[in-house]
Amino acid sequence: MIIVNVNKEKNLESALKKYKHKVHKTKQIEKLRDKQEYTKPSVNRRSKKLKAVYKQQLFTNQEKSN
């Protein structure tokens, strides 16, 4: 559970900004979206592998251009 002490914050906007930052940092929204529908473990592995290949290609292309 995310707790933001409003008393220590100067105003409500700064407390809300701190709350949004904590939600983003803990990836709560992503976890909720993932749990909306079931995906098979094999599909999860395949998507992670494709993402890693894509990142590696970006990295090697960036190295070649420098």
PDB file of N, CA and C in Angstrom:
ATOM      1  N   MET A   1       0.844  -1.172   0.000  1.00  0.00           N
ATOM      2  CA  MET A   1       0.000   0.000   0.000  1.00  0.00           C
ATOM      3  C   MET A   1       0.892   1.239   0.000  1.00  0.00           C
ATOM      4  N   ILE A   2       0.511   2.203  -0.783  1.00  0.00           N
ATOM      5  CA  ILE A   2       1.279   3.444  -0.903  1.00  0.00           C
ATOM      6  C   ILE A   2       0.717   4.465   0.069  1.00  0.00           C
ATOM      7  N   ILE A   3       1.599   5.038   0.869  1.00  0.00           N
ATOM      8  CA  ILE A   3       1.187   6.033   1.856  1.00  0.00           C
ATOM      9  C   ILE A   3       1.944   7.326   1.595  1.00  0.00           C
ATOM     10  N   VAL A   4       1.191   8.417   1.517  1.00  0.00           N
ATOM     11  CA  VAL A   4       1.782   9.747   1.382  1.00  0.00           C
ATOM     12  C   VAL A   4       1.241  10.583   2.526  1.00  0.00           C
ATOM     13  N   ASN A   5       2.121  11.075   3.352  1.00  0.00           N
ATOM     14  CA  ASN A   5       1.719  11.875   4.496  1.00  0.00           C
ATOM     15  C   ASN A   5       1.405  13.292   4.024  1.00  0.00           C
ATOM     16  N   VAL A   6       0.127  13.656   4.065  1.00  0.00           N
ATOM     17  CA  VAL A   6      -0.302  14.966   3.575  1.00  0.00           C
ATOM     18  C   VAL A   6       0.116  16.069   4.535  1.00  0.00           C
ATOM     19  N   ASN A   7       0.255  15.756   5.799  1.00  0.00           N
ATOM     20  CA  ASN A   7       0.642  16.772   6.778  1.00  0.00           C
ATOM     21  C   ASN A   7       2.046  17.309   6.508  1.00  0.00           C
ATOM     22  N   LYS A   8       2.944  16.432   6.069  1.00  0.00           N
ATOM     23  CA  LYS A   8       4.307  16.869   5.791  1.00  0.00           C
ATOM     24  C   LYS A   8       4.396  17.648   4.481  1.00  0.00           C
ATOM     25  N   GLU A   9       3.501  17.362   3.563  1.00  0.00           N
ATOM     26  CA  GLU A   9       3.496  18.063   2.280  1.00  0.00           C
ATOM     27  C   GLU A   9       2.941  19.481   2.455  1.00  0.00           C
ATOM     28  N   LYS A  10       3.382  20.376   1.594  1.00  0.00           N
ATOM     29  CA  LYS A  10       2.956  21.769   1.712  1.00  0.00           C
ATOM     30  C   LYS A  10       1.515  21.965   1.282  1.00  0.00           C
ATOM     31  N   ASN A  11       1.115  21.263   0.223  1.00  0.00           N
ATOM     32  CA  ASN A  11      -0.261  21.393  -0.242  1.00  0.00           C
ATOM     33  C   ASN A  11      -0.716  20.087  -0.876  1.00  0.00           C
ATOM     34  N   LEU A  12      -1.948  20.040  -1.251  1.00  0.00           N
ATOM     35  CA  LEU A  12      -2.521  18.816  -1.795  1.00  0.00           C
ATOM     36  C   LEU A  12      -1.930  18.460  -3.160  1.00  0.00           C
ATOM     37  N   GLU A  13      -1.598  19.464  -3.975  1.00  0.00           N
ATOM     38  CA  GLU A  13      -1.037  19.182  -5.292  1.00  0.00           C
ATOM     39  C   GLU A  13       0.309  18.471  -5.187  1.00  0.00           C
ATOM     40  N   SER A  14       1.145  18.901  -4.259  1.00  0.00           N
ATOM     41  CA  SER A  14       2.450  18.238  -4.115  1.00  0.00           C
ATOM     42  C   SER A  14       2.286  16.821  -3.579  1.00  0.00           C
ATOM     43  N   ALA A  15       1.301  16.609  -2.697  1.00  0.00           N
ATOM     44  CA  ALA A  15       1.043  15.262  -2.186  1.00  0.00           C
ATOM     45  C   ALA A  15       0.538  14.358  -3.309  1.00  0.00           C
ATOM     46  N   LEU A  16      -0.328  14.896  -4.167  1.00  0.00           N
ATOM     47  CA  LEU A  16      -0.838  14.126  -5.291  1.00  0.00           C
ATOM     48  C   LEU A  16       0.282  13.796  -6.280  1.00  0.00           C
ATOM     49  N   LYS A  17       1.169  14.742  -6.506  1.00  0.00           N
ATOM     50  CA  LYS A  17       2.298  14.515  -7.401  1.00  0.00           C
ATOM     51  C   LYS A  17       3.208  13.423  -6.851  1.00  0.00           C
ATOM     52  N   LYS A  18       3.443  13.434  -5.537  1.00  0.00           N
ATOM     53  CA  LYS A  18       4.274  12.418  -4.903  1.00  0.00           C
ATOM     54  C   LYS A  18       3.603  11.045  -4.991  1.00  0.00           C
ATOM     55  N   TYR A  19       2.284  11.013  -4.816  1.00  0.00           N
ATOM     56  CA  TYR A  19       1.526   9.757  -4.913  1.00  0.00           C
ATOM     57  C   TYR A  19       1.625   9.179  -6.322  1.00  0.00           C
ATOM     58  N   LYS A  20       1.428  10.019  -7.337  1.00  0.00           N
ATOM     59  CA  LYS A  20       1.511   9.561  -8.721  1.00  0.00           C
ATOM     60  C   LYS A  20       2.897   9.014  -9.030  1.00  0.00           C
ATOM     61  N   HIS A  21       3.923   9.675  -8.508  1.00  0.00           N
ATOM     62  CA  HIS A  21       5.290   9.217  -8.733  1.00  0.00           C
ATOM     63  C   HIS A  21       5.508   7.844  -8.106  1.00  0.00           C
ATOM     64  N   LYS A  22       4.999   7.656  -6.893  1.00  0.00           N
ATOM     65  CA  LYS A  22       5.156   6.365  -6.215  1.00  0.00           C
ATOM     66  C   LYS A  22       4.400   5.260  -6.942  1.00  0.00           C
ATOM     67  N   VAL A  23       3.211   5.560  -7.454  1.00  0.00           N
ATOM     68  CA  VAL A  23       2.438   4.569  -8.207  1.00  0.00           C
ATOM     69  C   VAL A  23       3.196   4.171  -9.460  1.00  0.00           C
ATOM     70  N   HIS A  24       3.757   5.149 -10.155  1.00  0.00           N
ATOM     71  CA  HIS A  24       4.519   4.871 -11.374  1.00  0.00           C
ATOM     72  C   HIS A  24       5.771   4.052 -11.057  1.00  0.00           C
ATOM     73  N   LYS A  25       6.451   4.384  -9.966  1.00  0.00           N
ATOM     74  CA  LYS A  25       7.690   3.724  -9.607  1.00  0.00           C
ATOM     75  C   LYS A  25       7.465   2.266  -9.193  1.00  0.00           C
ATOM     76  N   THR A  26       6.351   1.987  -8.524  1.00  0.00           N
ATOM     77  CA  THR A  26       6.068   0.615  -8.083  1.00  0.00           C
ATOM     78  C   THR A  26       5.373  -0.209  -9.156  1.00  0.00           C
ATOM     79  N   LYS A  27       5.035   0.399 -10.285  1.00  0.00           N
ATOM     80  CA  LYS A  27       4.411  -0.267 -11.438  1.00  0.00           C
ATOM     81  C   LYS A  27       3.081  -0.930 -11.079  1.00  0.00           C
ATOM     82  N   GLN A  28       2.295  -0.285 -10.231  1.00  0.00           N
ATOM     83  CA  GLN A  28       1.004  -0.827  -9.836  1.00  0.00           C
ATOM     84  C   GLN A  28       0.026  -0.873 -11.008  1.00  0.00           C
ATOM     85  N   ILE A  29       0.024   0.135 -11.848  1.00  0.00           N
ATOM     86  CA  ILE A  29      -0.903   0.181 -12.981  1.00  0.00           C
ATOM     87  C   ILE A  29      -0.610  -0.972 -13.942  1.00  0.00           C
ATOM     88  N   GLU A  30       0.681  -1.223 -14.208  1.00  0.00           N
ATOM     89  CA  GLU A  30       1.042  -2.319 -15.105  1.00  0.00           C
ATOM     90  C   GLU A  30       0.594  -3.656 -14.542  1.00  0.00           C
ATOM     91  N   LYS A  31       0.756  -3.851 -13.241  1.00  0.00           N
ATOM     92  CA  LYS A  31       0.337  -5.108 -12.615  1.00  0.00           C
ATOM     93  C   LYS A  31      -1.167  -5.300 -12.717  1.00  0.00           C
ATOM     94  N   LEU A  32      -1.929  -4.237 -12.509  1.00  0.00           N
ATOM     95  CA  LEU A  32      -3.375  -4.341 -12.618  1.00  0.00           C
ATOM     96  C   LEU A  32      -3.812  -4.681 -14.035  1.00  0.00           C
ATOM     97  N   ARG A  33      -3.177  -4.065 -15.014  1.00  0.00           N
ATOM     98  CA  ARG A  33      -3.523  -4.347 -16.410  1.00  0.00           C
ATOM     99  C   ARG A  33      -3.155  -5.773 -16.793  1.00  0.00           C
ATOM    100  N   ASP A  34      -2.041  -6.275 -16.270  1.00  0.00           N
ATOM    101  CA  ASP A  34      -1.641  -7.649 -16.568  1.00  0.00           C
ATOM    102  C   ASP A  34      -2.622  -8.652 -15.982  1.00  0.00           C
ATOM    103  N   LYS A  35      -3.195  -8.345 -14.829  1.00  0.00           N
ATOM    104  CA  LYS A  35      -4.102  -9.271 -14.165  1.00  0.00           C
ATOM    105  C   LYS A  35      -5.519  -9.230 -14.720  1.00  0.00           C
ATOM    106  N   GLN A  36      -5.814  -8.329 -15.640  1.00  0.00           N
ATOM    107  CA  GLN A  36      -7.159  -8.243 -16.192  1.00  0.00           C
ATOM    108  C   GLN A  36      -7.502  -9.482 -17.007  1.00  0.00           C
ATOM    109  N   GLU A  37      -6.522 -10.058 -17.667  1.00  0.00           N
ATOM    110  CA  GLU A  37      -6.774 -11.274 -18.427  1.00  0.00           C
ATOM    111  C   GLU A  37      -5.581 -12.207 -18.277  1.00  0.00           C
ATOM    112  N   TYR A  38      -5.854 -13.493 -18.324  1.00  0.00           N
ATOM    113  CA  TYR A  38      -4.825 -14.496 -18.141  1.00  0.00           C
ATOM    114  C   TYR A  38      -4.033 -14.680 -19.429  1.00  0.00           C
ATOM    115  N   THR A  39      -2.721 -14.737 -19.285  1.00  0.00           N
ATOM    116  CA  THR A  39      -1.869 -15.074 -20.415  1.00  0.00           C
ATOM    117  C   THR A  39      -1.042 -16.291 -20.030  1.00  0.00           C
ATOM    118  N   LYS A  40      -0.914 -17.195 -20.965  1.00  0.00           N
ATOM    119  CA  LYS A  40      -0.180 -18.424 -20.706  1.00  0.00           C
ATOM    120  C   LYS A  40       1.291 -18.113 -20.456  1.00  0.00           C
ATOM    121  N   PRO A  41       1.948 -18.920 -19.626  1.00  0.00           N
ATOM    122  CA  PRO A  41       3.376 -18.688 -19.368  1.00  0.00           C
ATOM    123  C   PRO A  41       4.229 -18.734 -20.635  1.00  0.00           C
ATOM    124  N   SER A  42       3.858 -19.565 -21.589  1.00  0.00           N
ATOM    125  CA  SER A  42       4.636 -19.641 -22.827  1.00  0.00           C
ATOM    126  C   SER A  42       4.528 -18.330 -23.607  1.00  0.00           C
ATOM    127  N   VAL A  43       3.371 -17.697 -23.567  1.00  0.00           N
ATOM    128  CA  VAL A  43       3.183 -16.418 -24.252  1.00  0.00           C
ATOM    129  C   VAL A  43       4.004 -15.340 -23.554  1.00  0.00           C
ATOM    130  N   ASN A  44       4.032 -15.380 -22.218  1.00  0.00           N
ATOM    131  CA  ASN A  44       4.843 -14.411 -21.474  1.00  0.00           C
ATOM    132  C   ASN A  44       6.322 -14.557 -21.821  1.00  0.00           C
ATOM    133  N   ARG A  45       6.807 -15.795 -21.864  1.00  0.00           N
ATOM    134  CA  ARG A  45       8.212 -16.032 -22.203  1.00  0.00           C
ATOM    135  C   ARG A  45       8.529 -15.548 -23.614  1.00  0.00           C
ATOM    136  N   ARG A  46       7.624 -15.834 -24.545  1.00  0.00           N
ATOM    137  CA  ARG A  46       7.839 -15.433 -25.932  1.00  0.00           C
ATOM    138  C   ARG A  46       7.893 -13.919 -26.058  1.00  0.00           C
ATOM    139  N   SER A  47       6.993 -13.229 -25.375  1.00  0.00           N
ATOM    140  CA  SER A  47       6.983 -11.760 -25.469  1.00  0.00           C
ATOM    141  C   SER A  47       8.230 -11.157 -24.825  1.00  0.00           C
ATOM    142  N   LYS A  48       8.686 -11.738 -23.711  1.00  0.00           N
ATOM    143  CA  LYS A  48       9.913 -11.243 -23.082  1.00  0.00           C
ATOM    144  C   LYS A  48      11.114 -11.452 -23.993  1.00  0.00           C
ATOM    145  N   LYS A  49      11.134 -12.608 -24.676  1.00  0.00           N
ATOM    146  CA  LYS A  49      12.237 -12.902 -25.571  1.00  0.00           C
ATOM    147  C   LYS A  49      12.240 -11.943 -26.764  1.00  0.00           C
ATOM    148  N   LEU A  50      11.069 -11.679 -27.332  1.00  0.00           N
ATOM    149  CA  LEU A  50      10.978 -10.743 -28.454  1.00  0.00           C
ATOM    150  C   LEU A  50      11.382  -9.337 -28.036  1.00  0.00           C
ATOM    151  N   LYS A  51      10.996  -8.946 -26.829  1.00  0.00           N
ATOM    152  CA  LYS A  51      11.374  -7.622 -26.329  1.00  0.00           C
ATOM    153  C   LYS A  51      12.885  -7.521 -26.156  1.00  0.00           C
ATOM    154  N   ALA A  52      13.518  -8.595 -25.653  1.00  0.00           N
ATOM    155  CA  ALA A  52      14.967  -8.594 -25.466  1.00  0.00           C
ATOM    156  C   ALA A  52      15.686  -8.523 -26.802  1.00  0.00           C
ATOM    157  N   VAL A  53      15.180  -9.238 -27.811  1.00  0.00           N
ATOM    158  CA  VAL A  53      15.783  -9.197 -29.143  1.00  0.00           C
ATOM    159  C   VAL A  53      15.670  -7.788 -29.712  1.00  0.00           C
ATOM    160  N   TYR A  54      14.517  -7.156 -29.541  1.00  0.00           N
ATOM    161  CA  TYR A  54      14.312  -5.797 -30.043  1.00  0.00           C
ATOM    162  C   TYR A  54      15.281  -4.821 -29.375  1.00  0.00           C
ATOM    163  N   LYS A  55      15.432  -4.928 -28.066  1.00  0.00           N
ATOM    164  CA  LYS A  55      16.354  -4.032 -27.353  1.00  0.00           C
ATOM    165  C   LYS A  55      17.790  -4.251 -27.810  1.00  0.00           C
ATOM    166  N   GLN A  56      18.161  -5.521 -28.023  1.00  0.00           N
ATOM    167  CA  GLN A  56      19.521  -5.824 -28.464  1.00  0.00           C
ATOM    168  C   GLN A  56      19.781  -5.239 -29.840  1.00  0.00           C
ATOM    169  N   GLN A  57      18.793  -5.317 -30.733  1.00  0.00           N
ATOM    170  CA  GLN A  57      18.956  -4.748 -32.062  1.00  0.00           C
ATOM    171  C   GLN A  57      19.101  -3.235 -31.995  1.00  0.00           C
ATOM    172  N   LEU A  58      18.328  -2.588 -31.130  1.00  0.00           N
ATOM    173  CA  LEU A  58      18.459  -1.142 -30.974  1.00  0.00           C
ATOM    174  C   LEU A  58      19.851  -0.785 -30.478  1.00  0.00           C
ATOM    175  N   PHE A  59      20.344  -1.554 -29.528  1.00  0.00           N
ATOM    176  CA  PHE A  59      21.664  -1.292 -28.953  1.00  0.00           C
ATOM    177  C   PHE A  59      22.757  -1.477 -30.003  1.00  0.00           C
ATOM    178  N   THR A  60      22.695  -2.548 -30.780  1.00  0.00           N
ATOM    179  CA  THR A  60      23.739  -2.778 -31.788  1.00  0.00           C
ATOM    180  C   THR A  60      23.656  -1.735 -32.904  1.00  0.00           C
ATOM    181  N   ASN A  61      22.448  -1.329 -33.288  1.00  0.00           N
ATOM    182  CA  ASN A  61      22.319  -0.281 -34.307  1.00  0.00           C
ATOM    183  C   ASN A  61      22.883   1.044 -33.808  1.00  0.00           C
ATOM    184  N   GLN A  62      22.688   1.309 -32.531  1.00  0.00           N
ATOM    185  CA  GLN A  62      23.208   2.550 -31.943  1.00  0.00           C
ATOM    186  C   GLN A  62      24.734   2.500 -31.897  1.00  0.00           C
ATOM    187  N   GLU A  63      25.289   1.332 -31.598  1.00  0.00           N
ATOM    188  CA  GLU A  63      26.745   1.189 -31.554  1.00  0.00           C
ATOM    189  C   GLU A  63      27.345   1.387 -32.944  1.00  0.00           C
ATOM    190  N   LYS A  64      26.671   0.867 -33.969  1.00  0.00           N
ATOM    191  CA  LYS A  64      27.183   0.981 -35.327  1.00  0.00           C
ATOM    192  C   LYS A  64      27.160   2.431 -35.809  1.00  0.00           C
ATOM    193  N   SER A  65      26.155   3.198 -35.413  1.00  0.00           N
ATOM    194  CA  SER A  65      26.048   4.577 -35.865  1.00  0.00           C
ATOM    195  C   SER A  65      27.062   5.485 -35.194  1.00  0.00           C
ATOM    196  N   ASN A  66      27.546   5.105 -34.022  1.00  0.00           N
ATOM    197  CA  ASN A  66      28.546   5.937 -33.320  1.00  0.00           C
ATOM    198  C   ASN A  66      29.884   5.599 -33.812  1.00  0.00           C
TER     199      ASN A  66
END
